[in-house]
Amino acid sequence: MAKFLNLRQNSFSEAHRLRSQMFLTVIEAGPVSFGAFAPDIQGCAAFSISKDKVKLLFKAAAEAHLRELAKCGEELPAAETTDIPGLTIGVPSGAITLEWTALEVPAAA
């Protein structure tokens, strides 16, 4: 049975401190919607009808995903991707834009 995550920050144990970390985010424009994901955060993506909304939804989803990983004792992904060949950060290339996203991630214990 699927487990749904509460996207509210207070769903994460207050015993865990948070720190800001930058992740490279890929934003793709489709025919009627936008999608966003970070190559370093597997299993997490967001979709919306506007670019601004997909950025907000991805940030919330990624932070909730990382908090849940920490809560379950899983290793958090490192922000290792710094570029994608052929694309420039902040400069749209066709339907794809790369941007940095600041995420509040659980700090190491």
Protein backbone atom coordinates (compact mmCIF):
# COMPACT_ATOMS: atom_id res chain seq x y z
CA MET A 1 0.00 0.00 0.00
CA ALA A 2 1.31 3.44 -0.92
CA LYS A 3 2.49 5.72 1.85
CA PHE A 4 1.68 9.40 1.38
CA LEU A 5 4.05 12.05 2.69
CA ASN A 6 3.00 15.12 4.60
CA LEU A 7 4.75 17.99 2.79
CA ARG A 8 4.69 20.22 5.84
CA GLN A 9 8.10 20.86 7.38
CA ASN A 10 6.78 20.10 10.89
CA SER A 11 6.20 16.47 9.85
CA PHE A 12 9.95 15.96 10.26
CA SER A 13 11.33 15.28 13.71
CA GLU A 14 12.41 18.45 15.45
CA ALA A 15 15.47 16.52 16.65
CA HIS A 16 16.95 16.88 13.16
CA ARG A 17 18.59 20.16 12.23
CA LEU A 18 18.31 21.43 8.66
CA ARG A 19 20.94 23.01 6.45
CA SER A 20 20.69 24.61 3.02
CA GLN A 21 22.21 22.75 0.07
CA MET A 22 22.15 23.62 -3.64
CA PHE A 23 21.00 20.98 -6.12
CA LEU A 24 21.09 21.30 -9.89
CA THR A 25 17.49 21.09 -11.14
CA VAL A 26 16.30 20.25 -14.64
CA ILE A 27 13.09 21.98 -15.72
CA GLU A 28 11.45 20.64 -18.87
CA ALA A 29 8.68 22.33 -20.83
CA GLY A 30 6.19 19.96 -22.39
CA PRO A 31 3.30 20.67 -24.74
CA VAL A 32 0.88 21.52 -21.89
CA SER A 33 2.92 21.29 -18.67
CA PHE A 34 6.30 21.57 -16.99
CA GLY A 35 8.32 18.93 -15.15
CA ALA A 36 11.21 19.32 -12.72
CA PHE A 37 13.74 16.93 -11.19
CA ALA A 38 17.25 16.91 -9.74
CA PRO A 39 19.59 14.27 -11.20
CA ASP A 40 21.07 13.67 -7.74
CA ILE A 41 17.70 13.02 -6.05
CA GLN A 42 16.36 9.80 -7.51
CA GLY A 43 12.66 9.05 -7.22
CA CYS A 44 11.49 12.65 -6.89
CA ALA A 45 9.88 14.88 -9.53
CA ALA A 46 7.13 17.46 -9.86
CA PHE A 47 4.75 18.47 -12.63
CA SER A 48 2.55 21.54 -13.12
CA ILE A 49 0.98 23.76 -15.76
CA SER A 50 3.36 26.67 -15.04
CA LYS A 51 7.13 26.96 -14.67
CA ASP A 52 6.90 28.97 -11.44
CA LYS A 53 4.50 26.46 -9.86
CA VAL A 54 6.61 23.43 -10.85
CA LYS A 55 9.65 25.04 -9.21
CA LEU A 56 7.72 25.53 -5.94
CA LEU A 57 6.25 22.02 -6.07
CA PHE A 58 9.63 20.42 -6.77
CA LYS A 59 11.28 22.27 -3.88
CA ALA A 60 8.55 21.09 -1.47
CA ALA A 61 8.59 17.52 -2.82
CA ALA A 62 12.39 17.25 -2.75
CA GLU A 63 12.63 18.58 0.82
CA ALA A 64 9.90 16.17 1.97
CA HIS A 65 11.63 13.29 0.14
CA LEU A 66 14.99 14.04 1.79
CA ARG A 67 13.40 14.39 5.25
CA GLU A 68 11.67 11.03 4.80
CA LEU A 69 14.95 9.38 3.74
CA ALA A 70 16.64 10.77 6.86
CA LYS A 71 13.73 9.72 9.07
CA CYS A 72 14.04 6.15 7.73
CA GLY A 73 17.80 6.13 8.33
CA GLU A 74 18.65 6.13 4.62
CA GLU A 75 21.76 7.82 3.27
CA LEU A 76 21.00 11.23 1.79
CA PRO A 77 22.11 11.89 -1.78
CA ALA A 78 25.06 14.21 -2.29
CA ALA A 79 24.69 17.21 -4.58
CA GLU A 80 27.34 16.08 -7.07
CA THR A 81 25.94 17.10 -10.46
CA THR A 82 27.30 20.52 -11.42
CA ASP A 83 26.47 20.58 -15.12
CA ILE A 84 24.94 18.66 -17.97
CA PRO A 85 26.97 18.71 -21.20
CA GLY A 86 25.43 20.91 -23.87
CA LEU A 87 23.32 22.94 -21.43
CA THR A 88 24.11 26.20 -19.65
CA ILE A 89 22.70 26.92 -16.20
CA GLY A 90 20.01 29.61 -16.39
CA VAL A 91 19.91 29.65 -20.21
CA PRO A 92 16.97 27.82 -21.80
CA SER A 93 17.99 25.28 -24.45
CA GLY A 94 14.86 24.34 -26.35
CA ALA A 95 12.47 22.85 -23.80
CA ILE A 96 15.07 22.38 -21.03
CA THR A 97 16.40 24.83 -18.44
CA LEU A 98 18.96 24.11 -15.71
CA GLU A 99 18.68 26.02 -12.44
CA TRP A 100 20.14 25.78 -8.96
CA THR A 101 17.59 25.04 -6.24
CA ALA A 102 18.35 25.70 -2.56
CA LEU A 103 16.89 22.87 -0.49
CA GLU A 104 16.64 22.62 3.29
CA VAL A 105 18.08 19.17 3.95
CA PRO A 106 18.63 17.29 7.22
CA ALA A 107 22.07 18.02 8.66
CA ALA A 108 24.39 15.16 9.50
CA ALA A 109 24.06 13.95 13.07
